[in-house]
Amino acid sequence: MGIFGFFQKKNDLPLKPAFVEKRLLARWKIAAPAKIKWQSFKDYVTCEVRDLNVKGFSLVVTERIPEVVNARAELYFNEKYFLILKFCYLT
C-alpha cells in the first residue's frame, strides 16, 4: 500500500435508509388535520392524524386528554368523514 495509498479515495458506503419499518402492519402516513371532541367537552380541539393502519392511528393533540377510565370522543375530519371513538385505559 505504501505511504501514498493512505490518501487514496475510499469507495463510498451504500446509503442506508434513515428508518426501517419493522412493524408487522403497514402504516400509511397521512398527516391529516382533524378535530376531536371529548364527551365532557363543549367544543372541538384541533389535532392531527399522522398515520394509520388497519388497527389504529397516531393522533397528536395539543391539549391534555381527560383522565377517565372509559371515555368517548368524536374525531371529525370533514363533513363526509368522522369517527365515534371509545377509549379504555388500563390502570
C-alpha atoms as a PDB file:
ATOM      1  CA  MET A   1       0.000   0.000   0.000  1.00  0.00           C
ATOM      2  CA  GLY A   2       2.774   2.436   0.778  1.00  0.00           C
ATOM      3  CA  ILE A   3       2.532   5.888   2.283  1.00  0.00           C
ATOM      4  CA  PHE A   4       0.554   7.407  -0.615  1.00  0.00           C
ATOM      5  CA  GLY A   5      -2.014   4.572  -0.637  1.00  0.00           C
ATOM      6  CA  PHE A   6      -3.397   6.038   2.589  1.00  0.00           C
ATOM      7  CA  PHE A   7      -4.509   9.199   0.783  1.00  0.00           C
ATOM      8  CA  GLN A   8      -6.397   7.390  -1.988  1.00  0.00           C
ATOM      9  CA  LYS A   9     -10.125   7.979  -2.204  1.00  0.00           C
ATOM     10  CA  LYS A  10     -12.087   5.243  -0.459  1.00  0.00           C
ATOM     11  CA  ASN A  11     -15.186   3.708  -2.002  1.00  0.00           C
ATOM     12  CA  ASP A  12     -18.367   5.307  -0.655  1.00  0.00           C
ATOM     13  CA  LEU A  13     -20.525   3.112   1.526  1.00  0.00           C
ATOM     14  CA  PRO A  14     -24.060   2.454   0.264  1.00  0.00           C
ATOM     15  CA  LEU A  15     -26.633   4.781   1.804  1.00  0.00           C
ATOM     16  CA  LYS A  16     -28.932   3.217   4.378  1.00  0.00           C
ATOM     17  CA  PRO A  17     -32.487   4.490   4.837  1.00  0.00           C
ATOM     18  CA  ALA A  18     -32.933   6.678   7.915  1.00  0.00           C
ATOM     19  CA  PHE A  19     -35.744   4.485   9.235  1.00  0.00           C
ATOM     20  CA  VAL A  20     -36.537   0.855   8.523  1.00  0.00           C
ATOM     21  CA  GLU A  21     -40.160  -0.159   9.132  1.00  0.00           C
ATOM     22  CA  LYS A  22     -40.224  -3.189  11.441  1.00  0.00           C
ATOM     23  CA  ARG A  23     -43.929  -3.323  12.255  1.00  0.00           C
ATOM     24  CA  LEU A  24     -45.974  -6.258  11.051  1.00  0.00           C
ATOM     25  CA  LEU A  25     -48.803  -3.997   9.887  1.00  0.00           C
ATOM     26  CA  ALA A  26     -48.028  -1.347   7.309  1.00  0.00           C
ATOM     27  CA  ARG A  27     -48.786   2.263   8.289  1.00  0.00           C
ATOM     28  CA  TRP A  28     -49.853   4.976   5.881  1.00  0.00           C
ATOM     29  CA  LYS A  29     -48.637   8.494   6.626  1.00  0.00           C
ATOM     30  CA  ILE A  30     -51.483  10.908   6.009  1.00  0.00           C
ATOM     31  CA  ALA A  31     -50.775  13.951   8.247  1.00  0.00           C
ATOM     32  CA  ALA A  32     -54.434  14.993   8.054  1.00  0.00           C
ATOM     33  CA  PRO A  33     -55.781  17.885  10.126  1.00  0.00           C
ATOM     34  CA  ALA A  34     -58.763  16.922  12.249  1.00  0.00           C
ATOM     35  CA  LYS A  35     -60.823  17.976  15.274  1.00  0.00           C
ATOM     36  CA  ILE A  36     -61.679  15.915  18.318  1.00  0.00           C
ATOM     37  CA  LYS A  37     -64.399  16.469  20.888  1.00  0.00           C
ATOM     38  CA  TRP A  38     -64.313  14.571  24.167  1.00  0.00           C
ATOM     39  CA  GLN A  39     -67.583  13.554  25.797  1.00  0.00           C
ATOM     40  CA  SER A  40     -67.174  16.084  28.612  1.00  0.00           C
ATOM     41  CA  PHE A  41     -66.023  18.973  26.362  1.00  0.00           C
ATOM     42  CA  LYS A  42     -68.296  21.513  24.647  1.00  0.00           C
ATOM     43  CA  ASP A  43     -66.001  22.449  21.754  1.00  0.00           C
ATOM     44  CA  TYR A  44     -63.760  20.626  19.324  1.00  0.00           C
ATOM     45  CA  VAL A  45     -59.988  20.611  19.870  1.00  0.00           C
ATOM     46  CA  THR A  46     -57.710  20.761  16.829  1.00  0.00           C
ATOM     47  CA  CYS A  47     -55.480  17.744  16.300  1.00  0.00           C
ATOM     48  CA  GLU A  48     -53.609  15.874  13.594  1.00  0.00           C
ATOM     49  CA  VAL A  49     -53.830  12.262  12.483  1.00  0.00           C
ATOM     50  CA  ARG A  50     -50.252  11.472  11.489  1.00  0.00           C
ATOM     51  CA  ASP A  51     -50.580   7.915  10.270  1.00  0.00           C
ATOM     52  CA  LEU A  52     -52.949   4.986  10.340  1.00  0.00           C
ATOM     53  CA  ASN A  53     -53.160   1.254   9.773  1.00  0.00           C
ATOM     54  CA  VAL A  54     -55.930  -1.342   9.872  1.00  0.00           C
ATOM     55  CA  LYS A  55     -55.881  -1.496  13.693  1.00  0.00           C
ATOM     56  CA  GLY A  56     -55.404   2.126  14.724  1.00  0.00           C
ATOM     57  CA  PHE A  57     -53.923   5.545  14.127  1.00  0.00           C
ATOM     58  CA  SER A  58     -51.453   8.031  15.565  1.00  0.00           C
ATOM     59  CA  LEU A  59     -53.192  11.121  16.924  1.00  0.00           C
ATOM     60  CA  VAL A  60     -51.424  14.317  18.028  1.00  0.00           C
ATOM     61  CA  VAL A  61     -53.464  16.505  20.389  1.00  0.00           C
ATOM     62  CA  THR A  62     -52.218  19.821  21.808  1.00  0.00           C
ATOM     63  CA  GLU A  63     -54.456  19.734  24.887  1.00  0.00           C
ATOM     64  CA  ARG A  64     -54.490  17.228  27.708  1.00  0.00           C
ATOM     65  CA  ILE A  65     -56.624  14.112  27.271  1.00  0.00           C
ATOM     66  CA  PRO A  66     -59.194  13.671  30.088  1.00  0.00           C
ATOM     67  CA  GLU A  67     -58.118  11.093  32.662  1.00  0.00           C
ATOM     68  CA  VAL A  68     -61.121   8.840  32.890  1.00  0.00           C
ATOM     69  CA  VAL A  69     -61.297   5.069  32.700  1.00  0.00           C
ATOM     70  CA  ASN A  70     -63.852   4.991  29.883  1.00  0.00           C
ATOM     71  CA  ALA A  71     -64.030   7.990  27.561  1.00  0.00           C
ATOM     72  CA  ARG A  72     -65.886   8.683  24.349  1.00  0.00           C
ATOM     73  CA  ALA A  73     -64.827  11.104  21.667  1.00  0.00           C
ATOM     74  CA  GLU A  74     -65.799  12.192  18.183  1.00  0.00           C
ATOM     75  CA  LEU A  75     -62.973  12.539  15.669  1.00  0.00           C
ATOM     76  CA  TYR A  76     -64.029  14.891  12.862  1.00  0.00           C
ATOM     77  CA  PHE A  77     -62.132  15.120   9.555  1.00  0.00           C
ATOM     78  CA  ASN A  78     -64.705  16.937   7.398  1.00  0.00           C
ATOM     79  CA  GLU A  79     -68.435  16.831   6.589  1.00  0.00           C
ATOM     80  CA  LYS A  80     -68.022  13.423   4.984  1.00  0.00           C
ATOM     81  CA  TYR A  81     -65.724  11.574   7.416  1.00  0.00           C
ATOM     82  CA  PHE A  82     -65.890  11.305  11.192  1.00  0.00           C
ATOM     83  CA  LEU A  83     -65.416   8.569  13.794  1.00  0.00           C
ATOM     84  CA  ILE A  84     -67.002   7.848  17.162  1.00  0.00           C
ATOM     85  CA  LEU A  85     -64.272   6.539  19.473  1.00  0.00           C
ATOM     86  CA  LYS A  86     -64.340   4.773  22.828  1.00  0.00           C
ATOM     87  CA  PHE A  87     -61.166   4.676  24.898  1.00  0.00           C
ATOM     88  CA  CYS A  88     -60.497   2.224  27.703  1.00  0.00           C
ATOM     89  CA  TYR A  89     -57.421   2.992  29.797  1.00  0.00           C
ATOM     90  CA  LEU A  90     -55.650   0.179  31.588  1.00  0.00           C
ATOM     91  CA  THR A  91     -54.555   1.055  35.106  1.00  0.00           C
END
